[in-house]
Amino acid sequence: MLRAIREKVFRPIIKIMETTTSTSDQTKVFTTEKIEEYNKIKEEHKGKIIGTHSGVFHCDEALACSLLKYSNDFKDSVIIRSRNTEIHDAVDILVDVGSVFDPDNYRFDHHQRGFDQYFNHEKHPEVKMSSAGLIYKYFGKEILTQIADDWNCEKFSDSELSKFHSDFYKSLFLEVDAVDNGVS
């Protein structure tokens, strides 16, 4: 099951990193700094938009965007890569940029001063979450359930889902969070 989930989650990451503009039916990625181009994409897409930074790809935002493509709310979203704060304000969810952590308003950055979010502070007190860890913390159970359904696996009980959610964090996301935050 763990292998199947890893395989399914990483497939969109490859699409995200292949090109600045993808024409794949599953994952469309655009890079723009112009609000007019953003507005045209928004008008043509008519769905929700995931925002992240432009420039060099990092593992945490690529993984965060990939995960969101498996959530019910963002599965049909396009991804906009930009450094334009006007675009950041307009997207439906923003990851790894914007200097705001506010899950109620779908803002998931971890770079701001005073950021102090941990997946499990007691077990891993030295590792703050990256944008991948944040998305996994807030959307992970839904995503794991969705992927299990897609693969026709047995339904998780609440306690099994909680344990699997925690174990999968430790087996993948803990390392991503540590590397992105400079913890060796």
Protein backbone atom coordinates (compact mmCIF):
# COMPACT_ATOMS: atom_id res chain seq x y z
CA MET A 1 0.00 0.00 0.00
CA LEU A 2 2.79 2.42 0.93
CA ARG A 3 4.53 1.76 -2.40
CA ALA A 4 1.29 2.31 -4.32
CA ILE A 5 0.68 5.63 -2.58
CA ARG A 6 4.25 6.81 -3.16
CA GLU A 7 3.95 5.91 -6.84
CA LYS A 8 0.62 7.70 -7.24
CA VAL A 9 1.72 10.85 -5.37
CA PHE A 10 5.00 11.24 -7.25
CA ARG A 11 3.54 10.90 -10.76
CA PRO A 12 2.21 14.52 -10.81
CA ILE A 13 5.52 15.82 -9.44
CA ILE A 14 7.18 14.73 -12.65
CA LYS A 15 4.52 16.64 -14.64
CA ILE A 16 5.02 19.74 -12.50
CA MET A 17 8.77 19.69 -13.06
CA GLU A 18 8.73 18.74 -16.78
CA THR A 19 7.99 22.17 -18.17
CA THR A 20 6.84 25.63 -17.20
CA THR A 21 3.62 25.14 -19.14
CA SER A 22 2.12 21.69 -19.27
CA THR A 23 -0.72 20.66 -21.54
CA SER A 24 -1.42 17.42 -19.71
CA ASP A 25 -5.08 16.85 -18.96
CA GLN A 26 -4.20 15.89 -15.40
CA THR A 27 -1.80 18.63 -14.35
CA LYS A 28 -1.56 22.01 -16.03
CA VAL A 29 1.24 24.24 -14.77
CA PHE A 30 1.75 27.86 -15.81
CA THR A 31 4.45 30.32 -14.88
CA THR A 32 3.62 34.01 -15.05
CA GLU A 33 4.40 37.25 -13.27
CA LYS A 34 1.67 39.19 -15.09
CA ILE A 35 -1.76 39.55 -13.49
CA GLU A 36 -3.33 39.84 -16.96
CA GLU A 37 -1.99 36.40 -17.91
CA TYR A 38 -3.22 35.01 -14.58
CA ASN A 39 -6.69 36.46 -15.22
CA LYS A 40 -6.79 34.86 -18.67
CA ILE A 41 -5.80 31.47 -17.21
CA LYS A 42 -8.42 31.85 -14.45
CA GLU A 43 -11.11 32.74 -17.01
CA GLU A 44 -10.23 29.82 -19.29
CA HIS A 45 -9.87 27.30 -16.48
CA LYS A 46 -12.92 28.29 -14.41
CA GLY A 47 -11.74 26.04 -11.58
CA LYS A 48 -9.60 26.48 -8.51
CA ILE A 49 -5.98 27.53 -8.76
CA ILE A 50 -3.02 26.34 -6.70
CA GLY A 51 -0.29 28.95 -6.36
CA THR A 52 3.38 28.55 -5.57
CA HIS A 53 6.60 30.44 -6.31
CA SER A 54 8.28 30.64 -9.67
CA GLY A 55 11.99 30.10 -10.19
CA VAL A 56 13.89 27.08 -8.96
CA PHE A 57 11.76 24.08 -8.01
CA HIS A 58 12.09 22.73 -4.50
CA CYS A 59 10.98 19.31 -3.40
CA ASP A 60 8.58 20.67 -0.78
CA GLU A 61 6.37 22.78 -3.06
CA ALA A 62 6.42 20.20 -5.86
CA LEU A 63 5.29 17.55 -3.38
CA ALA A 64 2.71 19.91 -1.82
CA CYS A 65 1.19 20.71 -5.23
CA SER A 66 1.20 17.04 -6.17
CA LEU A 67 -0.61 16.13 -2.96
CA LEU A 68 -3.25 18.79 -3.52
CA LYS A 69 -4.07 17.24 -6.89
CA TYR A 70 -5.43 14.26 -4.91
CA SER A 71 -7.66 16.30 -2.62
CA ASN A 72 -11.33 16.69 -3.41
CA ASP A 73 -11.16 20.50 -3.46
CA PHE A 74 -8.11 20.83 -5.69
CA LYS A 75 -8.00 17.72 -7.88
CA ASP A 76 -9.09 19.66 -10.97
CA SER A 77 -6.93 22.70 -10.27
CA VAL A 78 -4.23 24.21 -12.39
CA ILE A 79 -0.96 25.34 -10.83
CA ILE A 80 0.36 28.88 -11.20
CA ARG A 81 4.02 29.55 -10.41
CA SER A 82 4.67 33.22 -9.67
CA ARG A 83 6.42 35.71 -7.40
CA ASN A 84 3.74 38.36 -8.01
CA THR A 85 1.94 39.11 -4.72
CA GLU A 86 -1.17 40.23 -6.61
CA ILE A 87 -1.38 36.73 -8.10
CA HIS A 88 -0.68 35.21 -4.68
CA ASP A 89 -3.66 37.10 -3.27
CA ALA A 90 -5.90 35.82 -6.08
CA VAL A 91 -5.17 32.07 -6.01
CA ASP A 92 -7.39 29.67 -4.07
CA ILE A 93 -4.53 28.07 -2.17
CA LEU A 94 -0.92 29.22 -1.84
CA VAL A 95 2.04 27.02 -0.87
CA ASP A 96 5.69 27.75 -0.04
CA VAL A 97 5.47 31.50 -0.68
CA GLY A 98 3.68 34.54 0.69
CA SER A 99 5.04 34.63 4.24
CA VAL A 100 1.70 33.54 5.73
CA PHE A 101 0.64 30.37 7.47
CA ASP A 102 -3.16 30.44 7.77
CA PRO A 103 -4.80 27.07 7.07
CA ASP A 104 -8.32 28.54 7.37
CA ASN A 105 -7.55 30.78 4.37
CA TYR A 106 -5.47 28.16 2.53
CA ARG A 107 -2.11 29.88 2.98
CA PHE A 108 0.71 27.41 3.65
CA ASP A 109 4.10 29.12 3.80
CA HIS A 110 6.78 28.24 6.34
CA HIS A 111 9.45 30.86 5.62
CA GLN A 112 8.21 33.67 7.86
CA ARG A 113 9.85 34.67 11.10
CA GLY A 114 8.16 33.05 14.07
CA PHE A 115 6.86 30.03 12.13
CA ASP A 116 6.57 27.24 14.67
CA GLN A 117 4.58 24.32 13.24
CA TYR A 118 5.52 20.69 13.78
CA PHE A 119 3.83 17.50 12.66
CA ASN A 120 4.59 15.91 16.01
CA HIS A 121 6.62 18.16 18.31
CA GLU A 122 7.10 15.46 20.95
CA LYS A 123 8.56 12.90 18.53
CA HIS A 124 10.43 15.30 16.21
CA PRO A 125 11.09 18.55 18.11
CA GLU A 126 13.92 19.62 15.81
CA VAL A 127 11.95 19.48 12.52
CA LYS A 128 9.52 22.24 11.61
CA MET A 129 7.25 21.52 8.67
CA SER A 130 7.91 22.60 5.11
CA SER A 131 5.04 23.34 2.73
CA ALA A 132 4.87 19.61 1.91
CA GLY A 133 4.51 18.71 5.57
CA LEU A 134 1.89 21.41 6.07
CA ILE A 135 -0.24 20.20 3.15
CA TYR A 136 0.18 16.62 4.33
CA LYS A 137 -0.85 17.53 7.88
CA TYR A 138 -4.00 19.33 6.77
CA PHE A 139 -5.01 17.25 3.73
CA GLY A 140 -3.15 13.96 4.25
CA LYS A 141 -5.91 11.82 5.72
CA GLU A 142 -8.30 12.82 2.95
CA ILE A 143 -5.62 12.13 0.33
CA LEU A 144 -4.64 8.75 1.77
CA THR A 145 -8.30 7.73 1.83
CA GLN A 146 -8.77 8.90 -1.77
CA ILE A 147 -5.72 7.01 -3.03
CA ALA A 148 -6.76 3.87 -1.14
CA ASP A 149 -10.21 4.13 -2.79
CA ASP A 150 -8.60 4.60 -6.21
CA TRP A 151 -6.57 1.44 -5.68
CA ASN A 152 -9.61 -0.49 -4.38
CA CYS A 153 -8.03 -1.05 -0.98
CA GLU A 154 -9.96 -1.76 2.18
CA LYS A 155 -11.32 1.28 3.97
CA PHE A 156 -9.24 2.50 6.90
CA SER A 157 -10.78 2.66 10.34
CA ASP A 158 -10.23 6.02 12.04
CA SER A 159 -7.45 4.60 14.22
CA GLU A 160 -5.78 2.86 11.24
CA LEU A 161 -5.94 6.06 9.21
CA SER A 162 -4.40 8.09 12.04
CA LYS A 163 -1.60 5.57 12.47
CA PHE A 164 -0.94 5.31 8.74
CA HIS A 165 -1.01 9.11 8.43
CA SER A 166 1.61 9.39 11.17
CA ASP A 167 3.75 6.50 9.87
CA PHE A 168 3.73 7.83 6.31
CA TYR A 169 4.78 11.26 7.58
CA LYS A 170 7.74 9.66 9.32
CA SER A 171 8.69 7.54 6.28
CA LEU A 172 8.62 10.37 3.72
CA PHE A 173 7.60 13.85 4.80
CA LEU A 174 9.82 14.11 7.88
CA GLU A 175 12.90 13.88 5.64
CA VAL A 176 11.51 16.41 3.14
CA ASP A 177 10.72 18.80 6.00
CA ALA A 178 14.15 18.33 7.55
CA VAL A 179 16.07 18.90 4.32
CA ASP A 180 14.02 21.95 3.36
CA ASN A 181 14.58 23.49 6.79
CA GLY A 182 18.30 22.70 6.93
CA VAL A 183 18.12 19.98 9.59
CA SER A 184 20.56 17.12 8.98
